[in-house]
Amino acid sequence: MTIIIDPQISGISGNMIIGALVDLGANTSELKNIMESSASIIGKINVKFEKINKNGIESMYCHVEMLDENECICFNELVDKINGLDLDSNVKKTSTNIFKRIAMAEGKIHGKTLDEVHFHEVGASDAVADVIGSVYAYYSLNLDKKRVIGLPIAVGGGNVKTSHGILPVPAPAVLEIIKDLNFKGGPVSSELATPTGCAIYAELCSEIKEFIPQIKTKNVGYGAGSKDFNHPNILRIIEAENTGKSDEIDVIETNIDHLTGEEIGYLFDVLLKSGASDVSITPIIMKKNRQGSLLKVISKKDKRDEIINLIFKETGSLGIRISPNIHRGLAKREFIKKTFEINGNNYEVTFKIGYINDEVISSRPEYEDIKKIAKDTGLSLREVKELIK
């Protein structure tokens, strides 16, 4: 199962995350109690959930009202107060990790250590409610057991008024929190991504992607933002089943015109033994009409350097081309063993089964198994393949 957090149009905030998780099924009565009691370590709040329409899309709005003034609080004091709450240890740990992300961003910007950081807006009772509410809803829906993908964050534009004065959007704290993530400006002149929302997103997402992978949607939750625009100000969280896998690979290529057929065959073998995912050799015509071969190797990223060094060593090539970060689609695979009686003897054959959307798209016997049967029986490979259909 996969969860996709989609802030591509209207950014992200803590209450939008909570709204979307409630729309996915989180219990509002439990959340209200948890958020109000947790926020009381800083100040009193009132939490209200209501369905509202944002430019044609029904969404869940989580409204957090602060009932008294909050004083600033240092990071260590806030962590101590959170650890003293009567909450599951996972909720407390993840919540403190989120506040640590915010504190580290504030410390970097203001040149302070973690011990010296004092929260202002983000240390207020409503921020505590947003963080702990989001994390509690996340665990209550068992999303920690699922793959969580984040899509690029729309951060907005213009400027925003903060306790440090008027700052450009994205604010420095937001920019620091999402510096290693995918984000984009616009589509409006307004702050769309808050430090709290970005820190929750960064902590909960197990991976960040530019596009939605191949999935089958099961449920969608919409969380409403407080502002109104000409587009729906919503965050959506998609609950889906995986229908296929993808991973990142490197394609490594070089032209060869000085190796014998035997040497190319040897190179083929050593590359596969060294962890190459696939190796191919294609005849080509090179400059000055010389005949040569194009060596193409598909490699996982952790094997790339080893394979490149091996190609240099074995071929003496003076240049190797690398196409990094290519996404490869993968069908779901399963290996099944079947037993067949051939000429009075039982033989076990392994079949590689490929699925897309739970539909079998291929079923192929492993070559080494049918080769062994052919050798034992004296039958041709074609005859063995016919017998085990």
Protein backbone atom coordinates (compact mmCIF):
# COMPACT_ATOMS: atom_id res chain seq x y z
CA MET A 1 0.00 0.00 0.00
CA THR A 2 1.20 3.51 -0.86
CA ILE A 3 0.29 6.92 0.58
CA ILE A 4 0.87 10.02 -1.55
CA ILE A 5 0.97 13.49 0.00
CA ASP A 6 0.15 15.97 -2.79
CA PRO A 7 0.89 19.67 -2.09
CA GLN A 8 1.52 20.56 -5.76
CA ILE A 9 -1.15 23.27 -6.09
CA SER A 10 -1.85 24.80 -2.68
CA GLY A 11 1.15 23.92 -0.55
CA ILE A 12 0.99 22.41 2.90
CA SER A 13 0.27 23.31 6.53
CA GLY A 14 -0.32 21.36 9.70
CA ASN A 15 -4.08 21.82 9.77
CA MET A 16 -4.35 20.84 6.07
CA ILE A 17 -2.54 17.58 6.84
CA ILE A 18 -4.89 16.89 9.76
CA GLY A 19 -7.94 17.70 7.62
CA ALA A 20 -6.85 15.30 4.88
CA LEU A 21 -6.13 12.52 7.39
CA VAL A 22 -9.54 13.01 8.99
CA ASP A 23 -11.09 12.82 5.52
CA LEU A 24 -9.26 9.49 5.14
CA GLY A 25 -10.85 8.18 8.32
CA ALA A 26 -9.05 9.48 11.41
CA ASN A 27 -11.39 9.83 14.41
CA THR A 28 -12.35 13.48 15.04
CA SER A 29 -13.38 13.03 18.70
CA GLU A 30 -10.06 11.37 19.56
CA LEU A 31 -8.10 13.98 17.63
CA LYS A 32 -9.89 16.90 19.28
CA ASN A 33 -9.10 15.53 22.74
CA ILE A 34 -5.48 14.73 21.87
CA MET A 35 -4.84 18.10 20.24
CA GLU A 36 -6.45 20.19 22.98
CA SER A 37 -4.79 18.31 25.85
CA SER A 38 -1.37 18.29 24.14
CA ALA A 39 -1.49 21.99 23.30
CA SER A 40 -2.25 22.81 26.94
CA ILE A 41 1.47 22.40 27.71
CA ILE A 42 1.78 25.83 26.01
CA GLY A 43 -1.72 27.32 26.14
CA LYS A 44 -5.42 26.62 25.76
CA ILE A 45 -6.95 25.99 22.34
CA ASN A 46 -10.25 24.92 20.85
CA VAL A 47 -10.34 22.48 17.90
CA LYS A 48 -13.23 22.28 15.46
CA PHE A 49 -13.67 20.07 12.38
CA GLU A 50 -16.08 20.92 9.57
CA LYS A 51 -16.68 20.01 5.96
CA ILE A 52 -16.29 23.02 3.68
CA ASN A 53 -16.29 23.50 -0.07
CA LYS A 54 -13.12 24.87 -1.65
CA ASN A 55 -13.86 25.91 -5.24
CA GLY A 56 -16.04 22.89 -5.87
CA ILE A 57 -14.15 20.30 -3.79
CA GLU A 58 -15.60 19.07 -0.50
CA SER A 59 -12.77 19.17 2.04
CA MET A 60 -12.24 18.74 5.76
CA TYR A 61 -11.19 21.91 7.57
CA CYS A 62 -9.43 21.70 10.94
CA HIS A 63 -9.75 25.01 12.76
CA VAL A 64 -7.49 25.57 15.77
CA GLU A 65 -8.41 28.61 17.86
CA MET A 66 -5.91 29.92 20.42
CA LEU A 67 -7.72 30.93 23.63
CA ASP A 68 -4.84 32.70 25.39
CA GLU A 69 -1.50 34.34 24.70
CA ASN A 70 1.58 32.11 24.35
CA GLU A 71 5.09 32.96 25.45
CA CYS A 72 8.10 31.80 23.44
CA ILE A 73 9.65 28.52 24.56
CA CYS A 74 13.07 26.99 24.02
CA PHE A 75 13.45 23.75 22.10
CA ASN A 76 14.66 21.61 25.00
CA GLU A 77 11.82 22.78 27.24
CA LEU A 78 9.30 21.97 24.53
CA VAL A 79 10.75 18.46 24.07
CA ASP A 80 10.56 17.84 27.83
CA LYS A 81 6.92 18.90 27.87
CA ILE A 82 6.05 16.66 24.88
CA ASN A 83 7.84 13.68 26.46
CA GLY A 84 5.76 14.21 29.60
CA LEU A 85 2.48 13.78 27.72
CA ASP A 86 0.44 10.60 28.06
CA LEU A 87 0.91 9.55 24.43
CA ASP A 88 2.27 6.56 22.54
CA SER A 89 6.07 6.64 22.40
CA ASN A 90 6.05 6.65 18.58
CA VAL A 91 3.81 9.72 18.52
CA LYS A 92 6.08 11.55 20.96
CA LYS A 93 9.28 10.56 19.16
CA THR A 94 8.01 11.56 15.71
CA SER A 95 6.59 14.83 17.06
CA THR A 96 9.88 15.79 18.69
CA ASN A 97 11.71 14.91 15.45
CA ILE A 98 9.45 17.34 13.60
CA PHE A 99 10.12 20.14 16.08
CA LYS A 100 13.83 19.34 15.86
CA ARG A 101 13.69 19.93 12.10
CA ILE A 102 12.11 23.35 12.74
CA ALA A 103 14.58 24.17 15.51
CA MET A 104 17.58 23.22 13.38
CA ALA A 105 16.28 25.44 10.57
CA GLU A 106 15.79 28.36 12.97
CA GLY A 107 19.22 27.78 14.49
CA LYS A 108 20.89 27.73 11.08
CA ILE A 109 19.21 30.97 10.05
CA HIS A 110 19.91 32.87 13.29
CA GLY A 111 23.33 31.37 14.01
CA LYS A 112 22.28 29.60 17.21
CA THR A 113 22.81 26.12 18.60
CA LEU A 114 19.88 23.79 19.21
CA ASP A 115 20.04 24.58 22.94
CA GLU A 116 19.76 28.31 22.24
CA VAL A 117 16.81 28.18 19.84
CA HIS A 118 13.58 29.75 21.09
CA PHE A 119 10.38 29.20 19.15
CA HIS A 120 8.04 32.05 18.33
CA GLU A 121 5.13 31.33 16.00
CA VAL A 122 6.11 27.68 15.65
CA GLY A 123 6.30 27.16 19.40
CA ALA A 124 2.76 28.35 19.96
CA SER A 125 0.00 26.09 21.19
CA ASP A 126 -1.59 25.81 17.76
CA ALA A 127 1.69 24.51 16.28
CA VAL A 128 1.90 21.88 19.02
CA ALA A 129 -1.67 20.88 18.20
CA ASP A 130 -0.90 20.72 14.47
CA VAL A 131 2.22 18.58 14.90
CA ILE A 132 0.89 16.15 17.49
CA GLY A 133 -2.52 16.01 15.79
CA SER A 134 -0.96 15.15 12.42
CA VAL A 135 1.31 12.51 13.92
CA TYR A 136 -1.43 10.97 16.04
CA ALA A 137 -3.76 10.71 13.01
CA TYR A 138 -0.90 9.25 10.93
CA TYR A 139 -0.29 6.43 13.42
CA SER A 140 -4.00 5.87 14.12
CA LEU A 141 -4.46 5.06 10.41
CA ASN A 142 -1.38 2.76 10.46
CA LEU A 143 0.30 4.83 7.77
CA ASP A 144 3.68 4.17 9.39
CA LYS A 145 3.46 0.67 7.90
CA LYS A 146 3.01 2.02 4.38
CA ARG A 147 5.21 3.63 1.75
CA VAL A 148 4.71 7.42 1.95
CA ILE A 149 5.56 9.46 -1.17
CA GLY A 150 5.69 13.25 -1.22
CA LEU A 151 5.08 15.23 -4.42
CA PRO A 152 6.62 18.70 -5.05
CA ILE A 153 5.46 21.46 -2.69
CA ALA A 154 3.96 24.68 -4.07
CA VAL A 155 5.41 27.36 -1.79
CA GLY A 156 3.60 30.41 -3.17
CA GLY A 157 5.24 33.80 -3.63
CA GLY A 158 5.36 37.41 -2.49
CA ASN A 159 6.13 38.07 1.17
CA VAL A 160 4.90 37.15 4.64
CA LYS A 161 4.78 38.98 7.97
CA THR A 162 6.60 37.14 10.78
CA SER A 163 7.96 37.88 14.27
CA HIS A 164 11.24 38.71 12.47
CA GLY A 165 9.55 41.24 10.19
CA ILE A 166 8.42 40.98 6.58
CA LEU A 167 10.21 38.14 4.79
CA PRO A 168 10.14 36.80 1.23
CA VAL A 169 8.19 33.64 0.40
CA PRO A 170 9.28 30.98 0.97
CA ALA A 171 10.34 32.21 4.41
CA PRO A 172 13.94 31.33 5.41
CA ALA A 173 12.78 28.60 7.85
CA VAL A 174 10.68 26.95 5.13
CA LEU A 175 13.51 27.17 2.63
CA GLU A 176 15.90 25.54 5.10
CA ILE A 177 13.49 22.73 5.98
CA ILE A 178 12.78 21.82 2.33
CA LYS A 179 16.23 22.50 0.88
CA ASP A 180 16.73 18.84 -0.14
CA LEU A 181 13.13 18.34 -1.32
CA ASN A 182 11.26 19.15 -4.53
CA PHE A 183 9.37 22.45 -4.46
CA LYS A 184 8.20 25.21 -6.79
CA GLY A 185 7.02 28.81 -6.59
CA GLY A 186 3.44 29.99 -7.12
CA PRO A 187 0.78 29.61 -8.29
CA VAL A 188 -0.30 32.67 -6.20
CA SER A 189 1.37 35.59 -4.43
CA SER A 190 0.80 34.25 -0.93
CA GLU A 191 2.52 31.96 1.58
CA LEU A 192 1.34 28.40 0.88
CA ALA A 193 3.87 26.29 2.76
CA THR A 194 4.35 26.81 6.50
CA PRO A 195 7.40 25.67 8.50
CA THR A 196 5.20 23.31 10.54
CA GLY A 197 3.57 21.75 7.48
CA CYS A 198 6.90 21.33 5.68
CA ALA A 199 8.57 19.77 8.72
CA ILE A 200 5.71 17.26 9.14
CA TYR A 201 5.89 16.43 5.41
CA ALA A 202 9.69 15.98 5.53
CA GLU A 203 9.47 13.67 8.55
CA LEU A 204 6.60 11.48 7.33
CA CYS A 205 7.61 11.02 3.68
CA SER A 206 9.84 8.02 3.02
CA GLU A 207 10.59 9.23 -0.52
CA ILE A 208 10.06 12.28 -2.72
CA LYS A 209 9.00 11.99 -6.37
CA GLU A 210 8.20 14.40 -9.17
CA PHE A 211 5.17 12.47 -10.40
CA ILE A 212 2.66 9.97 -9.05
CA PRO A 213 3.94 6.42 -9.73
CA GLN A 214 1.79 3.69 -11.24
CA ILE A 215 -0.91 3.04 -8.63
CA LYS A 216 -4.54 2.01 -8.16
CA THR A 217 -6.38 4.62 -6.04
CA LYS A 218 -8.40 3.31 -3.09
CA ASN A 219 -9.27 6.49 -1.18
CA VAL A 220 -8.55 10.23 -1.27
CA GLY A 221 -8.64 12.66 1.64
CA TYR A 222 -8.91 16.44 1.12
CA GLY A 223 -7.69 18.88 3.76
CA ALA A 224 -8.75 22.52 3.39
CA GLY A 225 -6.54 25.55 3.93
CA SER A 226 -7.80 28.73 5.58
CA LYS A 227 -7.20 31.04 2.61
CA ASP A 228 -9.38 31.38 -0.48
CA PHE A 229 -7.96 31.55 -4.01
CA ASN A 230 -9.22 31.17 -7.56
CA HIS A 231 -8.23 27.51 -7.31
CA PRO A 232 -9.10 24.91 -4.62
CA ASN A 233 -6.92 25.61 -1.58
CA ILE A 234 -6.59 21.97 -0.58
CA LEU A 235 -4.03 19.33 0.27
CA ARG A 236 -4.88 15.85 -0.90
CA ILE A 237 -3.59 12.60 0.51
CA ILE A 238 -4.09 9.56 -1.69
CA GLU A 239 -4.32 6.01 -0.37
CA ALA A 240 -3.48 3.55 -3.14
CA GLU A 241 -2.37 0.05 -4.03
CA ASN A 242 0.87 -0.51 -5.89
CA THR A 243 0.38 -1.87 -9.40
CA GLY A 244 3.99 -1.71 -10.46
CA LYS A 245 7.37 -0.76 -9.11
CA SER A 246 9.98 1.65 -10.37
CA ASP A 247 13.54 2.30 -9.42
CA GLU A 248 16.40 4.52 -10.48
CA ILE A 249 19.19 3.08 -12.56
CA ASP A 250 22.24 4.30 -14.43
CA VAL A 251 22.85 3.39 -18.07
CA ILE A 252 26.57 3.10 -18.80
CA GLU A 253 27.81 3.02 -22.40
CA THR A 254 31.04 2.93 -24.35
CA ASN A 255 32.06 2.15 -27.93
CA ILE A 256 34.47 -0.75 -28.51
CA ASP A 257 36.42 -1.46 -31.71
CA HIS A 258 39.56 -3.23 -30.49
CA LEU A 259 38.36 -6.32 -28.56
CA THR A 260 37.99 -9.82 -29.98
CA GLY A 261 34.75 -11.77 -29.73
CA GLU A 262 36.25 -13.88 -26.94
CA GLU A 263 37.28 -10.79 -24.99
CA ILE A 264 33.82 -9.27 -25.35
CA GLY A 265 32.28 -12.55 -24.12
CA TYR A 266 34.59 -12.50 -21.10
CA LEU A 267 33.69 -8.85 -20.40
CA PHE A 268 30.00 -9.78 -20.58
CA ASP A 269 30.47 -12.45 -17.89
CA VAL A 270 32.57 -10.39 -15.46
CA LEU A 271 30.16 -7.45 -15.62
CA LEU A 272 27.18 -9.65 -14.71
CA LYS A 273 29.16 -11.30 -11.89
CA SER A 274 30.07 -7.85 -10.57
CA GLY A 275 26.42 -6.88 -10.11
CA ALA A 276 25.33 -5.37 -13.43
CA SER A 277 21.56 -5.66 -13.83
CA ASP A 278 21.87 -6.24 -17.57
CA VAL A 279 24.55 -6.14 -20.28
CA SER A 280 24.06 -5.86 -24.03
CA ILE A 281 26.36 -5.61 -27.04
CA THR A 282 25.10 -3.98 -30.27
CA PRO A 283 27.04 -3.94 -33.58
CA ILE A 284 27.62 -0.35 -34.77
CA ILE A 285 29.44 1.57 -37.50
CA MET A 286 31.86 4.07 -36.00
CA LYS A 287 33.68 7.05 -37.54
CA LYS A 288 35.72 6.34 -40.67
CA ASN A 289 33.31 3.44 -41.29
CA ARG A 290 35.01 1.23 -38.68
CA GLN A 291 32.96 -1.68 -37.40
CA GLY A 292 32.59 -1.74 -33.65
CA SER A 293 30.32 -2.63 -30.77
CA LEU A 294 28.23 -0.55 -28.37
CA LEU A 295 28.51 -1.85 -24.82
CA LYS A 296 25.49 -0.90 -22.74
CA VAL A 297 25.27 -1.77 -19.04
CA ILE A 298 22.30 -1.21 -16.73
CA SER A 299 23.48 -0.67 -13.17
CA LYS A 300 21.96 0.04 -9.77
CA LYS A 301 23.39 3.23 -8.29
CA ASP A 302 25.38 1.46 -5.56
CA LYS A 303 27.21 -0.63 -8.20
CA ARG A 304 27.91 2.17 -10.69
CA ASP A 305 31.47 3.12 -9.67
CA GLU A 306 32.60 -0.51 -9.42
CA ILE A 307 31.23 -1.29 -12.89
CA ILE A 308 32.75 1.83 -14.47
CA ASN A 309 36.17 0.97 -13.05
CA LEU A 310 35.79 -2.59 -14.33
CA ILE A 311 34.96 -1.38 -17.85
CA PHE A 312 38.01 0.89 -17.88
CA LYS A 313 40.20 -1.96 -16.66
CA GLU A 314 38.92 -4.64 -19.05
CA THR A 315 38.48 -2.54 -22.20
CA GLY A 316 41.09 0.19 -21.95
CA SER A 317 38.35 2.61 -23.02
CA LEU A 318 39.26 6.31 -22.88
CA GLY A 319 35.70 7.48 -22.29
CA ILE A 320 32.50 6.13 -20.78
CA ARG A 321 29.05 7.75 -21.02
CA ILE A 322 26.71 7.69 -18.03
CA SER A 323 22.98 8.48 -18.10
CA PRO A 324 22.10 8.75 -14.38
CA ASN A 325 18.77 8.63 -12.55
CA ILE A 326 16.80 6.91 -15.29
CA HIS A 327 13.49 5.58 -13.94
CA ARG A 328 12.78 1.99 -14.83
CA GLY A 329 9.26 0.59 -14.58
CA LEU A 330 9.05 -2.84 -13.01
CA ALA A 331 6.20 -5.31 -13.06
CA LYS A 332 5.47 -7.21 -9.87
CA ARG A 333 7.43 -10.47 -10.00
CA GLU A 334 6.93 -13.85 -8.38
CA PHE A 335 8.80 -17.14 -8.71
CA ILE A 336 6.76 -20.34 -8.64
CA LYS A 337 8.10 -23.91 -8.76
CA LYS A 338 6.17 -26.61 -10.66
CA THR A 339 6.92 -30.32 -11.05
CA PHE A 340 6.60 -32.14 -14.40
CA GLU A 341 6.91 -35.83 -15.25
CA ILE A 342 9.01 -36.31 -18.40
CA ASN A 343 10.08 -39.76 -19.64
CA GLY A 344 9.25 -41.31 -16.26
CA ASN A 345 11.23 -38.81 -14.16
CA ASN A 346 10.02 -35.81 -12.13
CA TYR A 347 11.65 -32.45 -12.84
CA GLU A 348 11.17 -29.20 -10.92
CA VAL A 349 10.93 -26.05 -13.06
CA THR A 350 10.93 -22.48 -11.73
CA PHE A 351 8.63 -20.03 -13.53
CA LYS A 352 9.02 -16.24 -13.35
CA ILE A 353 5.52 -14.73 -13.20
CA GLY A 354 4.96 -11.03 -14.02
CA TYR A 355 1.87 -9.08 -12.86
CA ILE A 356 0.36 -5.68 -13.65
CA ASN A 357 -2.83 -4.73 -11.78
CA ASP A 358 -2.93 -8.31 -10.41
CA GLU A 359 -3.18 -9.64 -13.99
CA VAL A 360 -0.55 -12.12 -15.21
CA ILE A 361 1.32 -10.62 -18.16
CA SER A 362 4.06 -13.24 -18.50
CA SER A 363 4.98 -16.72 -17.29
CA ARG A 364 8.40 -17.96 -18.35
CA PRO A 365 10.39 -21.03 -17.27
CA GLU A 366 13.96 -20.42 -16.09
CA TYR A 367 16.47 -21.31 -18.80
CA GLU A 368 18.80 -23.29 -16.53
CA ASP A 369 15.94 -25.61 -15.49
CA ILE A 370 14.83 -26.47 -19.03
CA LYS A 371 18.45 -26.78 -20.14
CA LYS A 372 19.03 -29.44 -17.42
CA ILE A 373 15.94 -31.38 -18.53
CA ALA A 374 17.09 -31.26 -22.16
CA LYS A 375 20.51 -32.64 -21.19
CA ASP A 376 19.02 -35.40 -19.02
CA THR A 377 16.40 -36.53 -21.53
CA GLY A 378 18.09 -35.86 -24.86
CA LEU A 379 15.13 -33.73 -25.93
CA SER A 380 15.57 -30.38 -27.62
CA LEU A 381 14.93 -27.15 -25.70
CA ARG A 382 11.91 -26.53 -27.92
CA GLU A 383 10.45 -29.95 -27.10
CA VAL A 384 10.98 -29.44 -23.35
CA LYS A 385 9.26 -26.03 -23.49
CA GLU A 386 6.28 -27.62 -25.23
CA LEU A 387 6.02 -30.33 -22.56
CA ILE A 388 5.99 -27.89 -19.63
CA LYS A 389 3.45 -25.41 -20.99
